[in-house]
C-alpha atoms as a PDB file:
ATOM      1  CA  UNK A   1       0.095  -0.143   0.121  1.00  0.00           C
ATOM      2  CA  UNK A   2       2.745   2.011   1.052  1.00  0.00           C
ATOM      3  CA  UNK A   3       4.231   1.618  -2.221  1.00  0.00           C
ATOM      4  CA  UNK A   4       1.702   2.354  -4.210  1.00  0.00           C
ATOM      5  CA  UNK A   5       1.069   5.905  -2.403  1.00  0.00           C
ATOM      6  CA  UNK A   6       4.333   6.417  -3.177  1.00  0.00           C
ATOM      7  CA  UNK A   7       4.426   5.740  -7.061  1.00  0.00           C
ATOM      8  CA  UNK A   8       0.849   7.539  -7.118  1.00  0.00           C
ATOM      9  CA  UNK A   9       2.034  10.398  -5.865  1.00  0.00           C
ATOM     10  CA  UNK A  10       5.359  10.366  -8.145  1.00  0.00           C
ATOM     11  CA  UNK A  11       2.943  10.385 -10.805  1.00  0.00           C
ATOM     12  CA  UNK A  12       1.358  13.183  -9.766  1.00  0.00           C
ATOM     13  CA  UNK A  13       4.316  15.424  -8.836  1.00  0.00           C
ATOM     14  CA  UNK A  14       5.328  14.509 -12.726  1.00  0.00           C
ATOM     15  CA  UNK A  15       2.750  15.690 -13.868  1.00  0.00           C
ATOM     16  CA  UNK A  16       2.215  18.821 -12.114  1.00  0.00           C
ATOM     17  CA  UNK A  17       5.539  19.828 -13.992  1.00  0.00           C
ATOM     18  CA  UNK A  18       3.934  20.040 -17.218  1.00  0.00           C
ATOM     19  CA  UNK A  19       0.466  21.657 -15.372  1.00  0.00           C
ATOM     20  CA  UNK A  20      -0.183  23.981 -18.684  1.00  0.00           C
ATOM     21  CA  UNK A  21      -0.463  21.295 -20.726  1.00  0.00           C
ATOM     22  CA  UNK A  22       1.919  18.191 -22.147  1.00  0.00           C
ATOM     23  CA  UNK A  23       4.841  19.906 -24.501  1.00  0.00           C
ATOM     24  CA  UNK A  24       4.662  20.383 -28.017  1.00  0.00           C
ATOM     25  CA  UNK A  25       5.159  16.990 -30.062  1.00  0.00           C
ATOM     26  CA  UNK A  26       8.819  16.631 -31.206  1.00  0.00           C
ATOM     27  CA  UNK A  27       8.245  14.543 -34.257  1.00  0.00           C
ATOM     28  CA  UNK A  28       5.145  15.768 -35.768  1.00  0.00           C
ATOM     29  CA  UNK A  29       3.260  13.486 -37.968  1.00  0.00           C
ATOM     30  CA  UNK A  30       1.736  16.407 -39.868  1.00  0.00           C
ATOM     31  CA  UNK A  31       4.534  17.017 -41.088  1.00  0.00           C
ATOM     32  CA  UNK A  32       7.006  14.061 -41.850  1.00  0.00           C
ATOM     33  CA  UNK A  33       6.269  10.341 -43.444  1.00  0.00           C
ATOM     34  CA  UNK A  34       5.687   7.152 -41.590  1.00  0.00           C
ATOM     35  CA  UNK A  35       9.572   6.004 -41.764  1.00  0.00           C
ATOM     36  CA  UNK A  36      10.806   9.467 -40.296  1.00  0.00           C
ATOM     37  CA  UNK A  37       8.209   9.473 -37.785  1.00  0.00           C
ATOM     38  CA  UNK A  38       9.837   6.172 -36.610  1.00  0.00           C
ATOM     39  CA  UNK A  39      12.973   7.241 -36.707  1.00  0.00           C
ATOM     40  CA  UNK A  40      12.344  10.669 -35.027  1.00  0.00           C
ATOM     41  CA  UNK A  41      10.560   8.765 -32.285  1.00  0.00           C
ATOM     42  CA  UNK A  42      12.834   5.865 -31.718  1.00  0.00           C
ATOM     43  CA  UNK A  43      15.637   8.819 -31.512  1.00  0.00           C
ATOM     44  CA  UNK A  44      13.628  10.892 -29.514  1.00  0.00           C
ATOM     45  CA  UNK A  45      13.175   8.024 -27.107  1.00  0.00           C
ATOM     46  CA  UNK A  46      16.596   7.136 -26.528  1.00  0.00           C
ATOM     47  CA  UNK A  47      17.861  10.872 -25.919  1.00  0.00           C
ATOM     48  CA  UNK A  48      14.805  11.409 -23.216  1.00  0.00           C
ATOM     49  CA  UNK A  49      16.696   8.041 -21.881  1.00  0.00           C
ATOM     50  CA  UNK A  50      19.742   9.774 -21.723  1.00  0.00           C
ATOM     51  CA  UNK A  51      18.105  13.266 -20.334  1.00  0.00           C
ATOM     52  CA  UNK A  52      16.386  11.160 -17.904  1.00  0.00           C
ATOM     53  CA  UNK A  53      19.795   9.112 -16.379  1.00  0.00           C
ATOM     54  CA  UNK A  54      21.916  12.595 -16.629  1.00  0.00           C
ATOM     55  CA  UNK A  55      19.421  14.551 -13.916  1.00  0.00           C
ATOM     56  CA  UNK A  56      19.134  11.427 -11.806  1.00  0.00           C
ATOM     57  CA  UNK A  57      23.215  11.783 -11.734  1.00  0.00           C
ATOM     58  CA  UNK A  58      23.051  15.115 -11.272  1.00  0.00           C
ATOM     59  CA  UNK A  59      20.372  14.874  -8.273  1.00  0.00           C
ATOM     60  CA  UNK A  60      22.422  12.325  -6.988  1.00  0.00           C
ATOM     61  CA  UNK A  61      25.806  14.433  -6.691  1.00  0.00           C
ATOM     62  CA  UNK A  62      23.824  17.075  -5.438  1.00  0.00           C
ATOM     63  CA  UNK A  63      22.819  14.966  -2.668  1.00  0.00           C
ATOM     64  CA  UNK A  64      26.455  14.429  -2.296  1.00  0.00           C
ATOM     65  CA  UNK A  65      27.411  18.036  -2.148  1.00  0.00           C
ATOM     66  CA  UNK A  66      25.325  18.689   1.075  1.00  0.00           C
ATOM     67  CA  UNK A  67      27.194  19.806   3.351  1.00  0.00           C
ATOM     68  CA  UNK A  68      27.482  18.819   6.853  1.00  0.00           C
ATOM     69  CA  UNK A  69      25.209  15.862   6.474  1.00  0.00           C
ATOM     70  CA  UNK A  70      26.441  12.528   7.636  1.00  0.00           C
ATOM     71  CA  UNK A  71      27.660  10.138   5.556  1.00  0.00           C
ATOM     72  CA  UNK A  72      24.655   7.494   6.934  1.00  0.00           C
ATOM     73  CA  UNK A  73      21.713  10.475   5.883  1.00  0.00           C
ATOM     74  CA  UNK A  74      23.589  10.394   2.511  1.00  0.00           C
ATOM     75  CA  UNK A  75      23.873   6.980   1.881  1.00  0.00           C
ATOM     76  CA  UNK A  76      19.965   6.622   2.624  1.00  0.00           C
ATOM     77  CA  UNK A  77      19.018   9.738   1.072  1.00  0.00           C
ATOM     78  CA  UNK A  78      20.756   8.508  -2.248  1.00  0.00           C
ATOM     79  CA  UNK A  79      18.791   5.169  -1.566  1.00  0.00           C
ATOM     80  CA  UNK A  80      15.812   5.952  -0.993  1.00  0.00           C
ATOM     81  CA  UNK A  81      15.765   8.238  -4.406  1.00  0.00           C
ATOM     82  CA  UNK A  82      17.172   5.577  -6.490  1.00  0.00           C
ATOM     83  CA  UNK A  83      14.437   2.907  -4.688  1.00  0.00           C
ATOM     84  CA  UNK A  84      12.069   6.180  -6.188  1.00  0.00           C
ATOM     85  CA  UNK A  85      13.469   5.687  -9.959  1.00  0.00           C
ATOM     86  CA  UNK A  86      13.055   2.464 -10.012  1.00  0.00           C
ATOM     87  CA  UNK A  87       9.207   2.774  -9.016  1.00  0.00           C
ATOM     88  CA  UNK A  88       9.153   5.349 -11.493  1.00  0.00           C
ATOM     89  CA  UNK A  89      10.373   3.321 -13.873  1.00  0.00           C
ATOM     90  CA  UNK A  90       7.838   0.400 -13.443  1.00  0.00           C
ATOM     91  CA  UNK A  91       5.278   2.601 -13.366  1.00  0.00           C
ATOM     92  CA  UNK A  92       6.021   4.900 -17.319  1.00  0.00           C
ATOM     93  CA  UNK A  93       6.653   1.441 -18.118  1.00  0.00           C
ATOM     94  CA  UNK A  94       3.274   0.110 -17.181  1.00  0.00           C
ATOM     95  CA  UNK A  95       1.410   3.064 -18.965  1.00  0.00           C
ATOM     96  CA  UNK A  96       3.464   3.576 -21.933  1.00  0.00           C
ATOM     97  CA  UNK A  97       3.484  -0.366 -22.692  1.00  0.00           C
ATOM     98  CA  UNK A  98      -0.028  -1.067 -21.271  1.00  0.00           C
ATOM     99  CA  UNK A  99      -2.174   1.590 -21.859  1.00  0.00           C
ATOM    100  CA  UNK A 100      -0.646   4.171 -24.131  1.00  0.00           C
ATOM    101  CA  UNK A 101      -1.356   2.075 -27.114  1.00  0.00           C
ATOM    102  CA  UNK A 102      -5.354   1.304 -26.241  1.00  0.00           C
ATOM    103  CA  UNK A 103      -5.594   5.637 -25.149  1.00  0.00           C
ATOM    104  CA  UNK A 104      -3.973   6.333 -28.731  1.00  0.00           C
ATOM    105  CA  UNK A 105      -6.023   3.474 -30.993  1.00  0.00           C
ATOM    106  CA  UNK A 106      -5.508   4.722 -34.474  1.00  0.00           C
ATOM    107  CA  UNK A 107      -3.045   7.763 -33.910  1.00  0.00           C
ATOM    108  CA  UNK A 108      -0.144   8.003 -36.183  1.00  0.00           C
ATOM    109  CA  UNK A 109       3.348   6.746 -34.803  1.00  0.00           C
ATOM    110  CA  UNK A 110       3.897   4.480 -31.916  1.00  0.00           C
ATOM    111  CA  UNK A 111       2.378   5.501 -28.754  1.00  0.00           C
ATOM    112  CA  UNK A 112       4.599   3.494 -26.384  1.00  0.00           C
ATOM    113  CA  UNK A 113       7.572   5.637 -27.445  1.00  0.00           C
ATOM    114  CA  UNK A 114       5.568   9.149 -27.731  1.00  0.00           C
ATOM    115  CA  UNK A 115       4.345   7.968 -23.782  1.00  0.00           C
ATOM    116  CA  UNK A 116       8.142   7.449 -22.951  1.00  0.00           C
ATOM    117  CA  UNK A 117       9.220  10.562 -24.268  1.00  0.00           C
ATOM    118  CA  UNK A 118       6.588  12.449 -22.330  1.00  0.00           C
ATOM    119  CA  UNK A 119       7.088  10.822 -19.621  1.00  0.00           C
ATOM    120  CA  UNK A 120      10.699  11.020 -19.638  1.00  0.00           C
ATOM    121  CA  UNK A 121      10.329  14.811 -20.152  1.00  0.00           C
ATOM    122  CA  UNK A 122       8.449  15.474 -16.780  1.00  0.00           C
ATOM    123  CA  UNK A 123      10.477  12.917 -14.798  1.00  0.00           C
ATOM    124  CA  UNK A 124      13.675  14.959 -16.029  1.00  0.00           C
ATOM    125  CA  UNK A 125      12.462  18.243 -15.357  1.00  0.00           C
ATOM    126  CA  UNK A 126      10.821  17.315 -11.667  1.00  0.00           C
ATOM    127  CA  UNK A 127      14.441  16.109 -10.713  1.00  0.00           C
ATOM    128  CA  UNK A 128      16.063  19.237 -12.254  1.00  0.00           C
ATOM    129  CA  UNK A 129      13.626  21.130 -10.396  1.00  0.00           C
ATOM    130  CA  UNK A 130      14.244  19.416  -7.318  1.00  0.00           C
ATOM    131  CA  UNK A 131      17.832  19.276  -7.240  1.00  0.00           C
ATOM    132  CA  UNK A 132      19.207  21.989  -8.954  1.00  0.00           C
END
């Protein structure tokens, strides 16, 4: 139950990063063909994965840089952040692999990749805001 509450809290926090609506599409199916769209989504998905990893790495370094903190507390904080990231990744994967294709039936492109790109952008923005 606690794990579910944590994942729900993370999802809500991530959605707050784009309170004004989702970001504009990176790969516009109205402007490019099917093959170009597939390539664009694949490239954007890989880039978004790197951005999340980079934001997480920066967050962990920000924790390391906290002055006058006991090493045990720092290690615990980093462990909790890594655990949170693992849970967020599981939630994102379920959203994108299971729900996105059903919700986007009939739309152009790969809804799984579009979902991953969107959620990754939100997560990276959230981590950067929380750990400047």
